[in-house]
């Protein structure tokens, strides 16, 4: 079967025109507009595309937006729009693409040192709020966790940051990372509200163990934390850990797999 030469030429020309159009839309400073399209129309297309991206970034990174003036925010959005080749066609995944850009393509000495971590924290809030995962309420008779098997809710994410991202605001802009890292658990509750709890490094490690060994018995999780910590009084770790887990069960950060003491 022979191809039509005219169709081949038209296909190539169309692809070339697409690339020319997209290059100008992305970065009009460094790419000429298509010669056969009116400049006013290209400006309208460009504004429409960019404003869509800008509105998604503003909605999903509200704290970061408040830290930058209009010129800085526009330049950040423009740099992302010009440099980053998104892997997803879905607008809902633009925030994740923006994180990828900040981590791998952004290069500006003027940026806040915490910008990537703050953006990640804000993305987590958004991702949990729209997640299709659901978590049932734990049964009311969950006071004694000693013989329960537990797991971390898919709507609860333990996070570790160099900067206290949950405190950053226009009134608090740390220049250097503090000596101690910040540990958080961000979770969506039964009312579909996203909340966070600041936790200790030991609690963070406990949640890591629960994540690594799904459905592990409670006492085994606590014993591992006690052994790793080399605490002079491991019983204190065990008792304190049970109290922490009880609180996290009530918040459905931790979910119970089965009930009852084994025979």
C-alpha atoms as a PDB file:
ATOM      1  CA  UNK A   1       0.000   0.000   0.000  1.00  0.00           C
ATOM      2  CA  UNK A   2       1.523   3.341  -1.116  1.00  0.00           C
ATOM      3  CA  UNK A   3       1.183   6.460   1.012  1.00  0.00           C
ATOM      4  CA  UNK A   4      -0.069   9.681  -0.470  1.00  0.00           C
ATOM      5  CA  UNK A   5       2.916  12.116  -0.768  1.00  0.00           C
ATOM      6  CA  UNK A   6       0.596  15.083  -0.253  1.00  0.00           C
ATOM      7  CA  UNK A   7      -0.740  13.583   2.997  1.00  0.00           C
ATOM      8  CA  UNK A   8       2.834  12.992   4.203  1.00  0.00           C
ATOM      9  CA  UNK A   9       3.819  16.619   3.536  1.00  0.00           C
ATOM     10  CA  UNK A  10       0.691  17.932   5.219  1.00  0.00           C
ATOM     11  CA  UNK A  11       1.329  15.691   8.261  1.00  0.00           C
ATOM     12  CA  UNK A  12       4.909  16.907   8.608  1.00  0.00           C
ATOM     13  CA  UNK A  13       3.893  20.523   8.142  1.00  0.00           C
ATOM     14  CA  UNK A  14       1.139  20.185  10.740  1.00  0.00           C
ATOM     15  CA  UNK A  15       3.552  18.698  13.290  1.00  0.00           C
ATOM     16  CA  UNK A  16       6.079  21.419  12.578  1.00  0.00           C
ATOM     17  CA  UNK A  17       3.363  24.041  12.989  1.00  0.00           C
ATOM     18  CA  UNK A  18       2.297  22.461  16.277  1.00  0.00           C
ATOM     19  CA  UNK A  19       5.844  22.626  17.595  1.00  0.00           C
ATOM     20  CA  UNK A  20       6.244  26.227  16.436  1.00  0.00           C
ATOM     21  CA  UNK A  21       2.930  27.185  18.050  1.00  0.00           C
ATOM     22  CA  UNK A  22       3.743  25.409  21.332  1.00  0.00           C
ATOM     23  CA  UNK A  23       7.262  26.842  21.521  1.00  0.00           C
ATOM     24  CA  UNK A  24       5.939  30.389  21.313  1.00  0.00           C
ATOM     25  CA  UNK A  25       3.126  29.694  23.786  1.00  0.00           C
ATOM     26  CA  UNK A  26       5.630  28.311  26.285  1.00  0.00           C
ATOM     27  CA  UNK A  27       8.392  30.888  25.871  1.00  0.00           C
ATOM     28  CA  UNK A  28       7.558  33.915  23.714  1.00  0.00           C
ATOM     29  CA  UNK A  29      10.773  35.668  24.763  1.00  0.00           C
ATOM     30  CA  UNK A  30      12.958  33.120  23.001  1.00  0.00           C
ATOM     31  CA  UNK A  31      10.737  31.793  20.217  1.00  0.00           C
ATOM     32  CA  UNK A  32       9.206  33.673  17.255  1.00  0.00           C
ATOM     33  CA  UNK A  33       5.425  33.590  16.778  1.00  0.00           C
ATOM     34  CA  UNK A  34       4.035  31.589  13.840  1.00  0.00           C
ATOM     35  CA  UNK A  35       4.195  33.805  10.783  1.00  0.00           C
ATOM     36  CA  UNK A  36       0.699  32.949   9.580  1.00  0.00           C
ATOM     37  CA  UNK A  37      -1.129  33.735  12.840  1.00  0.00           C
ATOM     38  CA  UNK A  38      -2.065  37.237  13.911  1.00  0.00           C
ATOM     39  CA  UNK A  39       0.046  38.481  16.855  1.00  0.00           C
ATOM     40  CA  UNK A  40      -3.079  39.499  18.788  1.00  0.00           C
ATOM     41  CA  UNK A  41      -4.493  35.985  18.461  1.00  0.00           C
ATOM     42  CA  UNK A  42      -1.216  34.392  19.572  1.00  0.00           C
ATOM     43  CA  UNK A  43      -1.114  36.721  22.584  1.00  0.00           C
ATOM     44  CA  UNK A  44      -4.651  35.664  23.462  1.00  0.00           C
ATOM     45  CA  UNK A  45      -3.790  31.954  23.177  1.00  0.00           C
ATOM     46  CA  UNK A  46      -0.656  32.458  25.213  1.00  0.00           C
ATOM     47  CA  UNK A  47      -2.485  34.307  27.981  1.00  0.00           C
ATOM     48  CA  UNK A  48      -5.215  31.666  28.100  1.00  0.00           C
ATOM     49  CA  UNK A  49      -2.770  28.758  28.462  1.00  0.00           C
ATOM     50  CA  UNK A  50      -0.544  30.496  30.982  1.00  0.00           C
ATOM     51  CA  UNK A  51      -3.457  31.724  33.111  1.00  0.00           C
ATOM     52  CA  UNK A  52      -4.744  28.157  33.400  1.00  0.00           C
ATOM     53  CA  UNK A  53      -1.374  26.996  34.704  1.00  0.00           C
ATOM     54  CA  UNK A  54      -1.057  29.990  37.005  1.00  0.00           C
ATOM     55  CA  UNK A  55      -4.511  29.452  38.529  1.00  0.00           C
ATOM     56  CA  UNK A  56      -3.709  25.810  39.342  1.00  0.00           C
ATOM     57  CA  UNK A  57      -0.392  26.739  40.938  1.00  0.00           C
ATOM     58  CA  UNK A  58      -1.962  29.551  42.981  1.00  0.00           C
ATOM     59  CA  UNK A  59      -4.757  27.285  44.209  1.00  0.00           C
ATOM     60  CA  UNK A  60      -2.488  24.410  45.187  1.00  0.00           C
ATOM     61  CA  UNK A  61       0.448  26.349  46.642  1.00  0.00           C
ATOM     62  CA  UNK A  62      -1.300  29.186  48.520  1.00  0.00           C
ATOM     63  CA  UNK A  63       1.399  29.664  51.171  1.00  0.00           C
ATOM     64  CA  UNK A  64       4.187  29.802  48.618  1.00  0.00           C
ATOM     65  CA  UNK A  65       2.107  32.294  46.626  1.00  0.00           C
ATOM     66  CA  UNK A  66       1.835  34.625  49.639  1.00  0.00           C
ATOM     67  CA  UNK A  67       5.629  34.631  50.063  1.00  0.00           C
ATOM     68  CA  UNK A  68       6.293  36.019  46.591  1.00  0.00           C
ATOM     69  CA  UNK A  69       5.284  39.336  45.112  1.00  0.00           C
ATOM     70  CA  UNK A  70       3.404  39.390  41.809  1.00  0.00           C
ATOM     71  CA  UNK A  71       6.564  39.771  39.711  1.00  0.00           C
ATOM     72  CA  UNK A  72       8.361  36.905  41.477  1.00  0.00           C
ATOM     73  CA  UNK A  73       5.328  34.644  41.208  1.00  0.00           C
ATOM     74  CA  UNK A  74       4.854  35.425  37.517  1.00  0.00           C
ATOM     75  CA  UNK A  75       8.528  34.718  36.776  1.00  0.00           C
ATOM     76  CA  UNK A  76       8.394  31.427  38.694  1.00  0.00           C
ATOM     77  CA  UNK A  77       5.285  30.341  36.796  1.00  0.00           C
ATOM     78  CA  UNK A  78       6.771  31.440  33.489  1.00  0.00           C
ATOM     79  CA  UNK A  79       9.992  29.523  34.150  1.00  0.00           C
ATOM     80  CA  UNK A  80       7.995  26.372  34.941  1.00  0.00           C
ATOM     81  CA  UNK A  81       5.790  26.858  31.880  1.00  0.00           C
ATOM     82  CA  UNK A  82       8.802  27.368  29.596  1.00  0.00           C
ATOM     83  CA  UNK A  83      11.148  24.671  30.918  1.00  0.00           C
ATOM     84  CA  UNK A  84       9.085  21.748  32.126  1.00  0.00           C
ATOM     85  CA  UNK A  85       7.812  19.080  29.740  1.00  0.00           C
ATOM     86  CA  UNK A  86       4.868  17.631  31.642  1.00  0.00           C
ATOM     87  CA  UNK A  87       4.445  13.863  31.528  1.00  0.00           C
ATOM     88  CA  UNK A  88       0.717  14.007  32.298  1.00  0.00           C
ATOM     89  CA  UNK A  89      -2.084  15.603  30.249  1.00  0.00           C
ATOM     90  CA  UNK A  90      -4.283  16.013  33.349  1.00  0.00           C
ATOM     91  CA  UNK A  91      -4.606  19.443  34.947  1.00  0.00           C
ATOM     92  CA  UNK A  92      -5.057  17.825  38.377  1.00  0.00           C
ATOM     93  CA  UNK A  93      -1.470  16.563  38.145  1.00  0.00           C
ATOM     94  CA  UNK A  94       0.069  19.967  37.444  1.00  0.00           C
ATOM     95  CA  UNK A  95       1.093  20.394  41.136  1.00  0.00           C
ATOM     96  CA  UNK A  96       3.081  17.149  40.989  1.00  0.00           C
ATOM     97  CA  UNK A  97       4.715  18.277  37.754  1.00  0.00           C
ATOM     98  CA  UNK A  98       5.594  21.558  39.483  1.00  0.00           C
ATOM     99  CA  UNK A  99       7.350  19.608  42.254  1.00  0.00           C
ATOM    100  CA  UNK A 100       9.349  17.712  39.650  1.00  0.00           C
ATOM    101  CA  UNK A 101      10.337  21.020  38.089  1.00  0.00           C
ATOM    102  CA  UNK A 102      11.430  22.498  41.428  1.00  0.00           C
ATOM    103  CA  UNK A 103      13.490  19.433  42.250  1.00  0.00           C
ATOM    104  CA  UNK A 104      15.140  18.819  38.900  1.00  0.00           C
ATOM    105  CA  UNK A 105      14.994  21.943  36.720  1.00  0.00           C
ATOM    106  CA  UNK A 106      14.684  25.045  38.869  1.00  0.00           C
ATOM    107  CA  UNK A 107      17.962  26.902  39.299  1.00  0.00           C
ATOM    108  CA  UNK A 108      17.751  30.269  41.027  1.00  0.00           C
ATOM    109  CA  UNK A 109      19.971  31.526  43.824  1.00  0.00           C
ATOM    110  CA  UNK A 110      17.197  33.929  44.851  1.00  0.00           C
ATOM    111  CA  UNK A 111      14.756  31.185  45.841  1.00  0.00           C
ATOM    112  CA  UNK A 112      13.917  30.524  49.469  1.00  0.00           C
ATOM    113  CA  UNK A 113      16.014  27.573  50.668  1.00  0.00           C
ATOM    114  CA  UNK A 114      12.856  25.853  51.898  1.00  0.00           C
ATOM    115  CA  UNK A 115      10.826  26.334  48.707  1.00  0.00           C
ATOM    116  CA  UNK A 116      10.893  22.706  47.537  1.00  0.00           C
ATOM    117  CA  UNK A 117       9.985  21.362  50.986  1.00  0.00           C
ATOM    118  CA  UNK A 118       7.182  23.889  51.440  1.00  0.00           C
ATOM    119  CA  UNK A 119       5.785  23.073  48.003  1.00  0.00           C
ATOM    120  CA  UNK A 120       5.931  19.362  48.792  1.00  0.00           C
ATOM    121  CA  UNK A 121       4.053  19.892  52.062  1.00  0.00           C
ATOM    122  CA  UNK A 122       1.358  21.873  50.269  1.00  0.00           C
ATOM    123  CA  UNK A 123       1.145  19.221  47.558  1.00  0.00           C
ATOM    124  CA  UNK A 124       0.652  16.511  50.216  1.00  0.00           C
ATOM    125  CA  UNK A 125      -2.336  18.412  51.601  1.00  0.00           C
ATOM    126  CA  UNK A 126      -3.853  18.613  48.131  1.00  0.00           C
ATOM    127  CA  UNK A 127      -3.091  14.985  47.250  1.00  0.00           C
ATOM    128  CA  UNK A 128      -4.705  13.693  50.444  1.00  0.00           C
ATOM    129  CA  UNK A 129      -7.761  15.904  49.993  1.00  0.00           C
ATOM    130  CA  UNK A 130      -8.537  14.451  46.544  1.00  0.00           C
ATOM    131  CA  UNK A 131      -7.406  10.866  47.164  1.00  0.00           C
ATOM    132  CA  UNK A 132     -10.011   8.235  46.349  1.00  0.00           C
ATOM    133  CA  UNK A 133      -8.795   6.032  49.204  1.00  0.00           C
ATOM    134  CA  UNK A 134     -11.184   5.499  52.101  1.00  0.00           C
ATOM    135  CA  UNK A 135     -10.577   4.334  55.657  1.00  0.00           C
ATOM    136  CA  UNK A 136     -13.308   2.842  57.854  1.00  0.00           C
ATOM    137  CA  UNK A 137     -13.688   3.932  61.461  1.00  0.00           C
ATOM    138  CA  UNK A 138     -11.871   1.770  63.990  1.00  0.00           C
ATOM    139  CA  UNK A 139     -14.101  -0.231  66.351  1.00  0.00           C
ATOM    140  CA  UNK A 140     -14.837   1.419  69.695  1.00  0.00           C
ATOM    141  CA  UNK A 141     -13.296  -1.431  71.740  1.00  0.00           C
ATOM    142  CA  UNK A 142      -9.718  -0.616  70.769  1.00  0.00           C
ATOM    143  CA  UNK A 143      -8.358   0.492  74.149  1.00  0.00           C
ATOM    144  CA  UNK A 144      -5.959  -2.432  74.535  1.00  0.00           C
ATOM    145  CA  UNK A 145      -3.717  -2.481  71.497  1.00  0.00           C
ATOM    146  CA  UNK A 146      -1.162  -4.930  72.839  1.00  0.00           C
ATOM    147  CA  UNK A 147      -2.442  -7.869  70.806  1.00  0.00           C
ATOM    148  CA  UNK A 148      -3.704  -6.021  67.757  1.00  0.00           C
ATOM    149  CA  UNK A 149      -2.246  -6.096  64.297  1.00  0.00           C
ATOM    150  CA  UNK A 150      -2.020  -2.581  62.926  1.00  0.00           C
ATOM    151  CA  UNK A 151      -1.246  -0.754  59.725  1.00  0.00           C
ATOM    152  CA  UNK A 152      -0.846   2.825  58.596  1.00  0.00           C
ATOM    153  CA  UNK A 153      -3.848   4.388  56.923  1.00  0.00           C
ATOM    154  CA  UNK A 154      -3.301   5.074  53.203  1.00  0.00           C
ATOM    155  CA  UNK A 155      -4.608   8.565  54.040  1.00  0.00           C
ATOM    156  CA  UNK A 156      -1.816   9.190  56.559  1.00  0.00           C
ATOM    157  CA  UNK A 157       1.666  10.164  55.403  1.00  0.00           C
ATOM    158  CA  UNK A 158       4.660  10.440  57.767  1.00  0.00           C
ATOM    159  CA  UNK A 159       6.943  13.230  56.544  1.00  0.00           C
ATOM    160  CA  UNK A 160      10.408  14.488  57.453  1.00  0.00           C
ATOM    161  CA  UNK A 161      11.665  17.941  56.468  1.00  0.00           C
ATOM    162  CA  UNK A 162      14.779  20.003  57.141  1.00  0.00           C
ATOM    163  CA  UNK A 163      12.598  23.084  57.653  1.00  0.00           C
ATOM    164  CA  UNK A 164       9.471  23.544  59.816  1.00  0.00           C
ATOM    165  CA  UNK A 165       7.262  23.849  56.750  1.00  0.00           C
ATOM    166  CA  UNK A 166       4.010  23.868  58.740  1.00  0.00           C
ATOM    167  CA  UNK A 167       5.068  27.151  60.417  1.00  0.00           C
ATOM    168  CA  UNK A 168       6.323  29.050  57.379  1.00  0.00           C
ATOM    169  CA  UNK A 169       4.435  32.260  56.582  1.00  0.00           C
ATOM    170  CA  UNK A 170       5.249  35.808  55.478  1.00  0.00           C
ATOM    171  CA  UNK A 171       6.090  36.482  59.139  1.00  0.00           C
ATOM    172  CA  UNK A 172       8.371  33.440  59.472  1.00  0.00           C
ATOM    173  CA  UNK A 173      10.945  32.888  56.737  1.00  0.00           C
ATOM    174  CA  UNK A 174      13.867  30.795  58.041  1.00  0.00           C
ATOM    175  CA  UNK A 175      17.112  31.466  56.209  1.00  0.00           C
ATOM    176  CA  UNK A 176      18.888  28.322  57.382  1.00  0.00           C
ATOM    177  CA  UNK A 177      17.609  24.927  58.410  1.00  0.00           C
ATOM    178  CA  UNK A 178      17.428  24.390  62.184  1.00  0.00           C
ATOM    179  CA  UNK A 179      19.633  21.779  63.825  1.00  0.00           C
ATOM    180  CA  UNK A 180      16.666  19.467  64.370  1.00  0.00           C
ATOM    181  CA  UNK A 181      14.565  18.155  61.506  1.00  0.00           C
ATOM    182  CA  UNK A 182      10.781  18.504  61.484  1.00  0.00           C
ATOM    183  CA  UNK A 183       8.652  15.355  61.586  1.00  0.00           C
ATOM    184  CA  UNK A 184       4.954  15.442  60.713  1.00  0.00           C
ATOM    185  CA  UNK A 185       2.086  13.100  60.089  1.00  0.00           C
ATOM    186  CA  UNK A 186      -0.416  14.557  57.614  1.00  0.00           C
ATOM    187  CA  UNK A 187      -3.693  12.687  57.402  1.00  0.00           C
ATOM    188  CA  UNK A 188      -7.288  12.871  56.222  1.00  0.00           C
ATOM    189  CA  UNK A 189      -9.847  12.104  58.909  1.00  0.00           C
ATOM    190  CA  UNK A 190     -13.279  10.498  58.762  1.00  0.00           C
ATOM    191  CA  UNK A 191     -14.818  13.908  58.010  1.00  0.00           C
ATOM    192  CA  UNK A 192     -12.532  14.257  54.956  1.00  0.00           C
ATOM    193  CA  UNK A 193     -10.586  17.079  56.588  1.00  0.00           C
ATOM    194  CA  UNK A 194      -6.802  17.140  56.173  1.00  0.00           C
ATOM    195  CA  UNK A 195      -4.891  17.659  59.416  1.00  0.00           C
ATOM    196  CA  UNK A 196      -1.321  17.432  60.606  1.00  0.00           C
ATOM    197  CA  UNK A 197       0.407  16.463  63.845  1.00  0.00           C
ATOM    198  CA  UNK A 198       3.990  17.349  64.676  1.00  0.00           C
ATOM    199  CA  UNK A 199       5.666  14.192  65.958  1.00  0.00           C
ATOM    200  CA  UNK A 200       8.967  13.151  67.523  1.00  0.00           C
ATOM    201  CA  UNK A 201      11.702  11.280  65.651  1.00  0.00           C
ATOM    202  CA  UNK A 202      10.807   8.131  67.644  1.00  0.00           C
ATOM    203  CA  UNK A 203       7.152   8.350  66.601  1.00  0.00           C
ATOM    204  CA  UNK A 204       8.233   8.921  63.017  1.00  0.00           C
ATOM    205  CA  UNK A 205      10.398   5.787  63.198  1.00  0.00           C
ATOM    206  CA  UNK A 206       7.495   3.847  64.702  1.00  0.00           C
ATOM    207  CA  UNK A 207       5.280   4.854  61.777  1.00  0.00           C
ATOM    208  CA  UNK A 208       8.037   3.875  59.348  1.00  0.00           C
ATOM    209  CA  UNK A 209       8.193   0.407  60.907  1.00  0.00           C
ATOM    210  CA  UNK A 210       4.420   0.040  60.667  1.00  0.00           C
ATOM    211  CA  UNK A 211       4.639   1.072  57.015  1.00  0.00           C
ATOM    212  CA  UNK A 212       7.475  -1.338  56.283  1.00  0.00           C
ATOM    213  CA  UNK A 213       5.818  -4.306  58.014  1.00  0.00           C
ATOM    214  CA  UNK A 214       2.113  -4.046  57.281  1.00  0.00           C
ATOM    215  CA  UNK A 215      -0.146  -5.851  59.759  1.00  0.00           C
ATOM    216  CA  UNK A 216       2.701  -6.277  62.253  1.00  0.00           C
ATOM    217  CA  UNK A 217       1.572  -6.905  65.861  1.00  0.00           C
ATOM    218  CA  UNK A 218       1.619  -3.747  67.973  1.00  0.00           C
ATOM    219  CA  UNK A 219       4.032  -5.107  70.582  1.00  0.00           C
ATOM    220  CA  UNK A 220       6.521  -6.169  67.900  1.00  0.00           C
ATOM    221  CA  UNK A 221       6.511  -2.650  66.430  1.00  0.00           C
ATOM    222  CA  UNK A 222       7.153  -1.103  69.839  1.00  0.00           C
ATOM    223  CA  UNK A 223       9.867  -3.635  70.692  1.00  0.00           C
ATOM    224  CA  UNK A 224      11.716  -2.794  67.488  1.00  0.00           C
ATOM    225  CA  UNK A 225      11.613   0.922  68.278  1.00  0.00           C
ATOM    226  CA  UNK A 226      12.821   0.259  71.832  1.00  0.00           C
ATOM    227  CA  UNK A 227      15.717  -1.883  70.577  1.00  0.00           C
ATOM    228  CA  UNK A 228      16.767   0.623  67.916  1.00  0.00           C
ATOM    229  CA  UNK A 229      16.666   3.561  70.330  1.00  0.00           C
ATOM    230  CA  UNK A 230      18.917   1.872  72.929  1.00  0.00           C
ATOM    231  CA  UNK A 231      16.841   3.631  75.575  1.00  0.00           C
ATOM    232  CA  UNK A 232      18.014   2.838  79.132  1.00  0.00           C
ATOM    233  CA  UNK A 233      14.396   2.179  80.101  1.00  0.00           C
ATOM    234  CA  UNK A 234      12.758   0.296  77.212  1.00  0.00           C
ATOM    235  CA  UNK A 235       9.550  -0.128  79.209  1.00  0.00           C
ATOM    236  CA  UNK A 236       9.100   3.648  79.030  1.00  0.00           C
ATOM    237  CA  UNK A 237       9.232   3.419  75.227  1.00  0.00           C
ATOM    238  CA  UNK A 238       6.713   0.569  75.247  1.00  0.00           C
ATOM    239  CA  UNK A 239       4.264   2.371  77.541  1.00  0.00           C
ATOM    240  CA  UNK A 240       4.620   5.739  75.823  1.00  0.00           C
ATOM    241  CA  UNK A 241       4.352   4.105  72.411  1.00  0.00           C
ATOM    242  CA  UNK A 242       1.068   2.436  73.294  1.00  0.00           C
ATOM    243  CA  UNK A 243      -0.377   5.775  74.408  1.00  0.00           C
ATOM    244  CA  UNK A 244       0.717   7.402  71.150  1.00  0.00           C
ATOM    245  CA  UNK A 245      -0.716   4.564  69.078  1.00  0.00           C
ATOM    246  CA  UNK A 246      -4.020   4.773  70.938  1.00  0.00           C
ATOM    247  CA  UNK A 247      -4.296   8.453  70.003  1.00  0.00           C
ATOM    248  CA  UNK A 248      -3.412   7.686  66.380  1.00  0.00           C
ATOM    249  CA  UNK A 249      -5.999   4.892  66.269  1.00  0.00           C
ATOM    250  CA  UNK A 250      -8.644   7.351  67.464  1.00  0.00           C
ATOM    251  CA  UNK A 251      -7.671   9.685  64.608  1.00  0.00           C
ATOM    252  CA  UNK A 252      -7.640   6.733  62.116  1.00  0.00           C
ATOM    253  CA  UNK A 253      -3.986   7.432  61.327  1.00  0.00           C
ATOM    254  CA  UNK A 254      -3.527   3.821  62.418  1.00  0.00           C
ATOM    255  CA  UNK A 255      -6.101   1.212  61.453  1.00  0.00           C
ATOM    256  CA  UNK A 256      -6.692  -2.115  63.179  1.00  0.00           C
ATOM    257  CA  UNK A 257      -6.399  -5.263  61.129  1.00  0.00           C
ATOM    258  CA  UNK A 258      -7.845  -7.740  63.568  1.00  0.00           C
ATOM    259  CA  UNK A 259      -9.125  -7.809  67.119  1.00  0.00           C
ATOM    260  CA  UNK A 260      -8.717 -10.055  70.110  1.00  0.00           C
ATOM    261  CA  UNK A 261      -5.921 -11.723  71.927  1.00  0.00           C
ATOM    262  CA  UNK A 262      -4.478 -14.794  70.208  1.00  0.00           C
ATOM    263  CA  UNK A 263      -5.062 -18.167  71.852  1.00  0.00           C
END
